[in-house]
PDB file of N, CA and C in Angstrom:
ATOM      1  N   MET A   1     -13.511 187.524  97.256  1.00  0.00           N
ATOM      2  CA  MET A   1     -14.326 187.891  96.377  1.00  0.00           C
ATOM      3  C   MET A   1     -13.749 187.502  94.838  1.00  0.00           C
ATOM      4  N   SER A   2     -14.513 186.804  94.038  1.00  0.00           N
ATOM      5  CA  SER A   2     -14.172 186.495  92.779  1.00  0.00           C
ATOM      6  C   SER A   2     -14.058 187.576  92.000  1.00  0.00           C
ATOM      7  N   LYS A   3     -13.274 187.632  90.925  1.00  0.00           N
ATOM      8  CA  LYS A   3     -13.093 188.766  89.914  1.00  0.00           C
ATOM      9  C   LYS A   3     -14.457 189.184  89.381  1.00  0.00           C
ATOM     10  N   LYS A   4     -15.273 188.123  88.915  1.00  0.00           N
ATOM     11  CA  LYS A   4     -16.488 188.556  88.329  1.00  0.00           C
ATOM     12  C   LYS A   4     -17.539 189.139  89.341  1.00  0.00           C
ATOM     13  N   LEU A   5     -17.445 188.755  90.585  1.00  0.00           N
ATOM     14  CA  LEU A   5     -18.269 189.531  91.465  1.00  0.00           C
ATOM     15  C   LEU A   5     -17.795 190.849  91.772  1.00  0.00           C
ATOM     16  N   LEU A   6     -16.436 191.086  91.961  1.00  0.00           N
ATOM     17  CA  LEU A   6     -15.842 192.431  92.005  1.00  0.00           C
ATOM     18  C   LEU A   6     -16.180 193.419  90.699  1.00  0.00           C
ATOM     19  N   ILE A   7     -16.070 192.844  89.567  1.00  0.00           N
ATOM     20  CA  ILE A   7     -16.602 193.631  88.501  1.00  0.00           C
ATOM     21  C   ILE A   7     -17.972 194.002  88.523  1.00  0.00           C
ATOM     22  N   LEU A   8     -18.873 192.990  88.727  1.00  0.00           N
ATOM     23  CA  LEU A   8     -20.376 193.319  88.858  1.00  0.00           C
ATOM     24  C   LEU A   8     -20.602 194.382  90.045  1.00  0.00           C
ATOM     25  N   PHE A   9     -19.907 194.233  91.181  1.00  0.00           N
ATOM     26  CA  PHE A   9     -20.184 195.182  92.092  1.00  0.00           C
ATOM     27  C   PHE A   9     -19.766 196.614  91.747  1.00  0.00           C
ATOM     28  N   PHE A  10     -18.690 196.667  90.899  1.00  0.00           N
ATOM     29  CA  PHE A  10     -18.030 198.061  90.524  1.00  0.00           C
ATOM     30  C   PHE A  10     -19.019 198.595  89.438  1.00  0.00           C
ATOM     31  N   VAL A  11     -19.467 197.853  88.568  1.00  0.00           N
ATOM     32  CA  VAL A  11     -20.589 198.268  87.622  1.00  0.00           C
ATOM     33  C   VAL A  11     -21.787 198.690  88.142  1.00  0.00           C
ATOM     34  N   MET A  12     -22.173 198.049  89.255  1.00  0.00           N
ATOM     35  CA  MET A  12     -23.485 198.575  90.057  1.00  0.00           C
ATOM     36  C   MET A  12     -23.197 199.895  90.718  1.00  0.00           C
ATOM     37  N   ILE A  13     -21.931 199.993  91.304  1.00  0.00           N
ATOM     38  CA  ILE A  13     -21.612 201.340  92.006  1.00  0.00           C
ATOM     39  C   ILE A  13     -21.639 202.424  90.950  1.00  0.00           C
ATOM     40  N   LEU A  14     -21.025 202.098  89.740  1.00  0.00           N
ATOM     41  CA  LEU A  14     -20.827 203.016  88.674  1.00  0.00           C
ATOM     42  C   LEU A  14     -22.473 203.502  88.232  1.00  0.00           C
ATOM     43  N   THR A  15     -23.191 202.622  88.149  1.00  0.00           N
ATOM     44  CA  THR A  15     -24.646 202.636  87.587  1.00  0.00           C
ATOM     45  C   THR A  15     -25.285 203.618  88.671  1.00  0.00           C
ATOM     46  N   VAL A  16     -25.209 203.472  89.796  1.00  0.00           N
ATOM     47  CA  VAL A  16     -25.741 204.266  90.748  1.00  0.00           C
ATOM     48  C   VAL A  16     -25.330 205.856  90.750  1.00  0.00           C
ATOM     49  N   PHE A  17     -24.013 205.742  90.682  1.00  0.00           N
ATOM     50  CA  PHE A  17     -23.536 207.300  90.578  1.00  0.00           C
ATOM     51  C   PHE A  17     -23.706 207.902  89.212  1.00  0.00           C
ATOM     52  N   SER A  18     -24.018 207.164  88.127  1.00  0.00           N
ATOM     53  CA  SER A  18     -24.218 207.708  86.973  1.00  0.00           C
ATOM     54  C   SER A  18     -25.496 208.281  86.562  1.00  0.00           C
ATOM     55  N   VAL A  19     -26.525 208.345  87.676  1.00  0.00           N
ATOM     56  CA  VAL A  19     -27.662 208.752  87.339  1.00  0.00           C
ATOM     57  C   VAL A  19     -27.778 210.386  87.348  1.00  0.00           C
ATOM     58  N   MET A  20     -26.631 210.971  87.763  1.00  0.00           N
ATOM     59  CA  MET A  20     -26.536 212.465  87.484  1.00  0.00           C
ATOM     60  C   MET A  20     -26.339 212.858  86.157  1.00  0.00           C
ATOM     61  N   PRO A  21     -27.096 213.952  85.734  1.00  0.00           N
ATOM     62  CA  PRO A  21     -27.229 214.249  84.227  1.00  0.00           C
ATOM     63  C   PRO A  21     -25.774 214.436  83.823  1.00  0.00           C
ATOM     64  N   ALA A  22     -25.553 214.181  82.563  1.00  0.00           N
ATOM     65  CA  ALA A  22     -24.297 214.450  81.790  1.00  0.00           C
ATOM     66  C   ALA A  22     -24.457 215.755  80.978  1.00  0.00           C
ATOM     67  N   TYR A  23     -23.654 216.808  81.105  1.00  0.00           N
ATOM     68  CA  TYR A  23     -23.855 217.823  80.279  1.00  0.00           C
ATOM     69  C   TYR A  23     -22.744 217.930  79.368  1.00  0.00           C
ATOM     70  N   ALA A  24     -22.929 218.628  78.300  1.00  0.00           N
ATOM     71  CA  ALA A  24     -21.863 218.789  77.140  1.00  0.00           C
ATOM     72  C   ALA A  24     -20.707 219.561  77.629  1.00  0.00           C
ATOM     73  N   GLY A  25     -19.570 219.007  77.098  1.00  0.00           N
ATOM     74  CA  GLY A  25     -18.251 219.526  77.594  1.00  0.00           C
ATOM     75  C   GLY A  25     -17.373 219.449  76.344  1.00  0.00           C
ATOM     76  N   THR A  26     -16.100 219.724  76.846  1.00  0.00           N
ATOM     77  CA  THR A  26     -14.938 219.724  75.839  1.00  0.00           C
ATOM     78  C   THR A  26     -13.645 219.106  76.401  1.00  0.00           C
ATOM     79  N   TRP A  27     -13.113 218.100  75.756  1.00  0.00           N
ATOM     80  CA  TRP A  27     -11.798 217.775  76.053  1.00  0.00           C
ATOM     81  C   TRP A  27     -10.857 218.859  75.906  1.00  0.00           C
ATOM     82  N   LYS A  28      -9.769 218.931  76.830  1.00  0.00           N
ATOM     83  CA  LYS A  28      -8.843 220.103  76.654  1.00  0.00           C
ATOM     84  C   LYS A  28      -7.434 219.261  76.912  1.00  0.00           C
ATOM     85  N   LYS A  29      -6.451 219.897  76.360  1.00  0.00           N
ATOM     86  CA  LYS A  29      -5.025 219.368  76.608  1.00  0.00           C
ATOM     87  C   LYS A  29      -4.029 220.385  76.865  1.00  0.00           C
ATOM     88  N   ASP A  30      -3.095 220.196  77.884  1.00  0.00           N
ATOM     89  CA  ASP A  30      -1.855 221.038  77.966  1.00  0.00           C
ATOM     90  C   ASP A  30      -0.769 220.157  78.064  1.00  0.00           C
ATOM     91  N   GLY A  31       0.319 220.846  78.513  1.00  0.00           N
ATOM     92  CA  GLY A  31       1.692 220.001  78.816  1.00  0.00           C
ATOM     93  C   GLY A  31       1.607 218.883  79.648  1.00  0.00           C
ATOM     94  N   GLN A  32       0.621 218.847  80.615  1.00  0.00           N
ATOM     95  CA  GLN A  32       0.603 217.866  81.595  1.00  0.00           C
ATOM     96  C   GLN A  32      -0.414 216.773  81.293  1.00  0.00           C
ATOM     97  N   GLY A  33      -1.216 216.878  80.326  1.00  0.00           N
ATOM     98  CA  GLY A  33      -2.277 215.914  79.869  1.00  0.00           C
ATOM     99  C   GLY A  33      -3.714 216.477  79.483  1.00  0.00           C
ATOM    100  N   TRP A  34      -4.711 215.543  79.511  1.00  0.00           N
ATOM    101  CA  TRP A  34      -6.099 215.840  79.010  1.00  0.00           C
ATOM    102  C   TRP A  34      -7.008 215.949  80.085  1.00  0.00           C
ATOM    103  N   TRP A  35      -7.879 216.934  80.124  1.00  0.00           N
ATOM    104  CA  TRP A  35      -9.022 217.051  81.146  1.00  0.00           C
ATOM    105  C   TRP A  35     -10.183 217.249  80.393  1.00  0.00           C
ATOM    106  N   TYR A  36     -11.271 217.192  81.040  1.00  0.00           N
ATOM    107  CA  TYR A  36     -12.543 217.539  80.469  1.00  0.00           C
ATOM    108  C   TYR A  36     -13.342 218.792  81.162  1.00  0.00           C
ATOM    109  N   GLN A  37     -13.348 219.774  80.303  1.00  0.00           N
ATOM    110  CA  GLN A  37     -14.079 220.907  80.778  1.00  0.00           C
ATOM    111  C   GLN A  37     -15.590 220.992  80.528  1.00  0.00           C
ATOM    112  N   THR A  38     -16.336 220.978  81.668  1.00  0.00           N
ATOM    113  CA  THR A  38     -17.827 221.021  81.612  1.00  0.00           C
ATOM    114  C   THR A  38     -18.324 222.326  80.909  1.00  0.00           C
ATOM    115  N   ASP A  39     -19.498 222.300  80.625  1.00  0.00           N
ATOM    116  CA  ASP A  39     -20.172 223.414  80.024  1.00  0.00           C
ATOM    117  C   ASP A  39     -20.398 224.491  80.629  1.00  0.00           C
ATOM    118  N   ASP A  40     -20.246 224.352  81.995  1.00  0.00           N
ATOM    119  CA  ASP A  40     -20.053 225.601  82.930  1.00  0.00           C
ATOM    120  C   ASP A  40     -18.856 226.190  83.467  1.00  0.00           C
ATOM    121  N   GLY A  41     -17.762 225.467  82.767  1.00  0.00           N
ATOM    122  CA  GLY A  41     -16.379 225.923  82.918  1.00  0.00           C
ATOM    123  C   GLY A  41     -15.568 225.214  84.096  1.00  0.00           C
ATOM    124  N   ASP A  42     -16.349 224.361  84.668  1.00  0.00           N
ATOM    125  CA  ASP A  42     -15.630 223.710  85.679  1.00  0.00           C
ATOM    126  C   ASP A  42     -15.034 222.391  85.058  1.00  0.00           C
ATOM    127  N   TYR A  43     -14.238 221.553  85.756  1.00  0.00           N
ATOM    128  CA  TYR A  43     -13.831 220.308  85.110  1.00  0.00           C
ATOM    129  C   TYR A  43     -13.893 219.162  86.363  1.00  0.00           C
ATOM    130  N   TYR A  44     -14.000 217.744  85.714  1.00  0.00           N
ATOM    131  CA  TYR A  44     -14.080 216.644  86.423  1.00  0.00           C
ATOM    132  C   TYR A  44     -12.752 216.383  87.240  1.00  0.00           C
ATOM    133  N   ARG A  45     -12.767 215.999  88.451  1.00  0.00           N
ATOM    134  CA  ARG A  45     -11.709 215.667  89.139  1.00  0.00           C
ATOM    135  C   ARG A  45     -12.088 214.560  90.292  1.00  0.00           C
ATOM    136  N   ARG A  46     -11.020 213.756  90.594  1.00  0.00           N
ATOM    137  CA  ARG A  46     -11.083 212.672  91.708  1.00  0.00           C
ATOM    138  C   ARG A  46     -12.123 211.803  91.578  1.00  0.00           C
ATOM    139  N   GLY A  47     -11.896 210.931  90.570  1.00  0.00           N
ATOM    140  CA  GLY A  47     -12.902 209.699  90.415  1.00  0.00           C
ATOM    141  C   GLY A  47     -13.285 209.428  88.944  1.00  0.00           C
ATOM    142  N   TRP A  48     -14.290 208.418  88.836  1.00  0.00           N
ATOM    143  CA  TRP A  48     -14.750 207.986  87.493  1.00  0.00           C
ATOM    144  C   TRP A  48     -15.887 208.967  87.091  1.00  0.00           C
ATOM    145  N   LYS A  49     -16.014 209.190  85.841  1.00  0.00           N
ATOM    146  CA  LYS A  49     -17.028 209.927  85.131  1.00  0.00           C
ATOM    147  C   LYS A  49     -17.327 209.272  83.889  1.00  0.00           C
ATOM    148  N   TRP A  50     -18.670 209.283  83.518  1.00  0.00           N
ATOM    149  CA  TRP A  50     -19.141 208.662  82.090  1.00  0.00           C
ATOM    150  C   TRP A  50     -19.298 209.852  81.362  1.00  0.00           C
ATOM    151  N   ILE A  51     -18.603 209.749  80.023  1.00  0.00           N
ATOM    152  CA  ILE A  51     -18.626 210.894  79.088  1.00  0.00           C
ATOM    153  C   ILE A  51     -18.733 210.214  77.710  1.00  0.00           C
ATOM    154  N   ASP A  52     -19.765 210.484  76.860  1.00  0.00           N
ATOM    155  CA  ASP A  52     -20.063 209.968  75.769  1.00  0.00           C
ATOM    156  C   ASP A  52     -20.258 208.458  75.811  1.00  0.00           C
ATOM    157  N   HIS A  53     -20.696 207.918  76.872  1.00  0.00           N
ATOM    158  CA  HIS A  53     -21.062 206.424  77.017  1.00  0.00           C
ATOM    159  C   HIS A  53     -19.835 205.677  77.291  1.00  0.00           C
ATOM    160  N   LYS A  54     -18.611 206.326  77.614  1.00  0.00           N
ATOM    161  CA  LYS A  54     -17.481 205.720  78.262  1.00  0.00           C
ATOM    162  C   LYS A  54     -17.045 206.192  79.549  1.00  0.00           C
ATOM    163  N   CYS A  55     -16.393 205.467  80.385  1.00  0.00           N
ATOM    164  CA  CYS A  55     -16.129 205.877  81.794  1.00  0.00           C
ATOM    165  C   CYS A  55     -14.467 206.115  81.715  1.00  0.00           C
ATOM    166  N   TYR A  56     -14.283 207.431  82.333  1.00  0.00           N
ATOM    167  CA  TYR A  56     -12.828 207.916  82.544  1.00  0.00           C
ATOM    168  C   TYR A  56     -12.474 208.103  83.848  1.00  0.00           C
ATOM    169  N   TYR A  57     -11.321 207.993  84.180  1.00  0.00           N
ATOM    170  CA  TYR A  57     -10.639 208.272  85.718  1.00  0.00           C
ATOM    171  C   TYR A  57     -10.122 209.534  85.473  1.00  0.00           C
ATOM    172  N   PHE A  58     -10.330 210.617  86.620  1.00  0.00           N
ATOM    173  CA  PHE A  58      -9.752 211.714  86.585  1.00  0.00           C
ATOM    174  C   PHE A  58      -8.863 211.734  88.106  1.00  0.00           C
ATOM    175  N   ASP A  59      -7.758 212.439  88.050  1.00  0.00           N
ATOM    176  CA  ASP A  59      -7.049 212.566  89.145  1.00  0.00           C
ATOM    177  C   ASP A  59      -7.450 213.873  89.861  1.00  0.00           C
ATOM    178  N   HIS A  60      -6.821 214.067  91.107  1.00  0.00           N
ATOM    179  CA  HIS A  60      -7.100 215.115  92.037  1.00  0.00           C
ATOM    180  C   HIS A  60      -6.901 216.484  91.372  1.00  0.00           C
ATOM    181  N   GLN A  61      -6.274 216.688  90.288  1.00  0.00           N
ATOM    182  CA  GLN A  61      -5.921 217.848  89.597  1.00  0.00           C
ATOM    183  C   GLN A  61      -6.825 217.967  88.335  1.00  0.00           C
ATOM    184  N   GLY A  62      -7.673 216.988  88.040  1.00  0.00           N
ATOM    185  CA  GLY A  62      -8.405 216.800  87.098  1.00  0.00           C
ATOM    186  C   GLY A  62      -8.026 216.195  85.590  1.00  0.00           C
ATOM    187  N   TYR A  63      -6.735 215.757  85.715  1.00  0.00           N
ATOM    188  CA  TYR A  63      -6.346 215.079  84.496  1.00  0.00           C
ATOM    189  C   TYR A  63      -6.729 213.645  84.322  1.00  0.00           C
ATOM    190  N   CYS A  64      -6.896 213.270  83.150  1.00  0.00           N
ATOM    191  CA  CYS A  64      -7.521 212.069  82.852  1.00  0.00           C
ATOM    192  C   CYS A  64      -6.550 211.028  82.992  1.00  0.00           C
ATOM    193  N   TRP A  65      -6.583 209.894  83.665  1.00  0.00           N
ATOM    194  CA  TRP A  65      -5.657 208.697  83.750  1.00  0.00           C
ATOM    195  C   TRP A  65      -5.603 208.101  82.524  1.00  0.00           C
ATOM    196  N   MET A  66      -4.472 207.697  81.985  1.00  0.00           N
ATOM    197  CA  MET A  66      -4.435 207.022  80.576  1.00  0.00           C
ATOM    198  C   MET A  66      -3.394 206.018  80.624  1.00  0.00           C
ATOM    199  N   ASN A  67      -3.697 204.967  79.847  1.00  0.00           N
ATOM    200  CA  ASN A  67      -2.568 203.866  79.550  1.00  0.00           C
ATOM    201  C   ASN A  67      -2.022 203.390  80.748  1.00  0.00           C
ATOM    202  N   GLY A  68      -2.992 202.671  81.635  1.00  0.00           N
ATOM    203  CA  GLY A  68      -2.256 202.061  82.850  1.00  0.00           C
ATOM    204  C   GLY A  68      -3.547 201.488  83.778  1.00  0.00           C
ATOM    205  N   THR A  69      -2.947 201.509  85.118  1.00  0.00           N
ATOM    206  CA  THR A  69      -3.905 201.049  86.075  1.00  0.00           C
ATOM    207  C   THR A  69      -4.159 202.334  87.009  1.00  0.00           C
ATOM    208  N   THR A  70      -5.538 202.631  87.126  1.00  0.00           N
ATOM    209  CA  THR A  70      -5.892 203.778  88.183  1.00  0.00           C
ATOM    210  C   THR A  70      -5.503 203.325  89.480  1.00  0.00           C
ATOM    211  N   PRO A  71      -5.591 204.268  90.492  1.00  0.00           N
ATOM    212  CA  PRO A  71      -5.222 204.095  91.777  1.00  0.00           C
ATOM    213  C   PRO A  71      -6.214 203.084  92.503  1.00  0.00           C
ATOM    214  N   ASP A  72      -7.379 203.007  91.854  1.00  0.00           N
ATOM    215  CA  ASP A  72      -8.296 201.846  92.675  1.00  0.00           C
ATOM    216  C   ASP A  72      -8.335 200.369  91.888  1.00  0.00           C
ATOM    217  N   GLY A  73      -7.276 200.396  90.898  1.00  0.00           N
ATOM    218  CA  GLY A  73      -6.864 199.084  90.500  1.00  0.00           C
ATOM    219  C   GLY A  73      -7.610 198.688  89.167  1.00  0.00           C
ATOM    220  N   TRP A  74      -8.303 199.568  88.525  1.00  0.00           N
ATOM    221  CA  TRP A  74      -8.884 199.208  87.196  1.00  0.00           C
ATOM    222  C   TRP A  74      -7.993 199.762  85.930  1.00  0.00           C
ATOM    223  N   THR A  75      -8.197 199.253  84.719  1.00  0.00           N
ATOM    224  CA  THR A  75      -7.252 199.588  83.718  1.00  0.00           C
ATOM    225  C   THR A  75      -7.834 200.527  82.800  1.00  0.00           C
ATOM    226  N   VAL A  76      -7.200 201.410  82.164  1.00  0.00           N
ATOM    227  CA  VAL A  76      -7.753 202.380  81.260  1.00  0.00           C
ATOM    228  C   VAL A  76      -6.747 202.254  79.856  1.00  0.00           C
ATOM    229  N   ASP A  77      -7.316 202.499  78.665  1.00  0.00           N
ATOM    230  CA  ASP A  77      -6.504 202.423  77.587  1.00  0.00           C
ATOM    231  C   ASP A  77      -5.659 203.567  77.184  1.00  0.00           C
ATOM    232  N   GLN A  78      -5.060 203.739  76.166  1.00  0.00           N
ATOM    233  CA  GLN A  78      -4.305 204.843  75.755  1.00  0.00           C
ATOM    234  C   GLN A  78      -5.065 206.097  75.777  1.00  0.00           C
ATOM    235  N   ASN A  79      -6.389 206.082  75.506  1.00  0.00           N
ATOM    236  CA  ASN A  79      -7.276 207.259  75.337  1.00  0.00           C
ATOM    237  C   ASN A  79      -8.058 207.574  76.673  1.00  0.00           C
ATOM    238  N   GLY A  80      -7.578 206.649  77.828  1.00  0.00           N
ATOM    239  CA  GLY A  80      -8.223 206.935  79.130  1.00  0.00           C
ATOM    240  C   GLY A  80      -9.332 206.226  79.312  1.00  0.00           C
ATOM    241  N   ALA A  81     -10.061 205.451  78.442  1.00  0.00           N
ATOM    242  CA  ALA A  81     -11.313 204.667  78.557  1.00  0.00           C
ATOM    243  C   ALA A  81     -11.158 203.580  79.445  1.00  0.00           C
ATOM    244  N   TRP A  82     -12.057 203.224  80.268  1.00  0.00           N
ATOM    245  CA  TRP A  82     -12.063 201.959  81.137  1.00  0.00           C
ATOM    246  C   TRP A  82     -12.045 200.733  80.405  1.00  0.00           C
ATOM    247  N   ILE A  83     -11.201 199.966  80.553  1.00  0.00           N
ATOM    248  CA  ILE A  83     -11.120 198.534  79.854  1.00  0.00           C
ATOM    249  C   ILE A  83     -11.245 197.309  80.779  1.00  0.00           C
ATOM    250  N   VAL A  84     -11.731 196.292  80.441  1.00  0.00           N
ATOM    251  CA  VAL A  84     -11.882 195.117  81.047  1.00  0.00           C
ATOM    252  C   VAL A  84     -11.344 194.036  80.162  1.00  0.00           C
ATOM    253  N   ASN A  85     -10.513 193.288  80.409  1.00  0.00           N
ATOM    254  CA  ASN A  85     -10.040 192.181  79.556  1.00  0.00           C
ATOM    255  C   ASN A  85      -9.796 192.814  78.110  1.00  0.00           C
ATOM    256  N   GLY A  86      -9.326 194.080  77.874  1.00  0.00           N
ATOM    257  CA  GLY A  86      -8.919 194.526  76.603  1.00  0.00           C
ATOM    258  C   GLY A  86     -10.220 195.320  76.025  1.00  0.00           C
ATOM    259  N   ASP A  87     -11.451 195.226  76.624  1.00  0.00           N
ATOM    260  CA  ASP A  87     -12.573 195.722  75.775  1.00  0.00           C
ATOM    261  C   ASP A  87     -13.082 196.988  76.504  1.00  0.00           C
ATOM    262  N   ILE A  88     -13.300 197.996  75.819  1.00  0.00           N
ATOM    263  CA  ILE A  88     -13.920 199.223  76.384  1.00  0.00           C
ATOM    264  C   ILE A  88     -15.151 198.899  77.028  1.00  0.00           C
ATOM    265  N   GLN A  89     -15.344 199.547  78.303  1.00  0.00           N
ATOM    266  CA  GLN A  89     -16.729 199.247  78.882  1.00  0.00           C
ATOM    267  C   GLN A  89     -17.632 200.529  78.590  1.00  0.00           C
ATOM    268  N   TYR A  90     -18.862 200.293  77.994  1.00  0.00           N
ATOM    269  CA  TYR A  90     -19.642 201.400  77.595  1.00  0.00           C
ATOM    270  C   TYR A  90     -21.054 201.497  78.393  1.00  0.00           C
ATOM    271  N   GLN A  91     -21.498 202.403  78.572  1.00  0.00           N
ATOM    272  CA  GLN A  91     -22.699 202.675  79.392  1.00  0.00           C
ATOM    273  C   GLN A  91     -23.924 202.577  78.628  1.00  0.00           C
TER     274      GLN A  91
END
């Protein structure tokens, strides 16, 4: 599968899963890293979430993956935003 088709497939999957409503929340930080606390006191974990029109990957403990490659092979910048060819991907 070509890289363009793979990116298109991933964007389509994210679009399908992004139809869930986004609620206001707050970024939090501790000694291990950053996480996003939702307005109901919960936090995101295990996967991709759109926050303020950018997509972030959260590990099983709820920490945002930053500055590297996520377990599923995508790249995130130093702030954790999903990037493709150096460009932040917006919703």
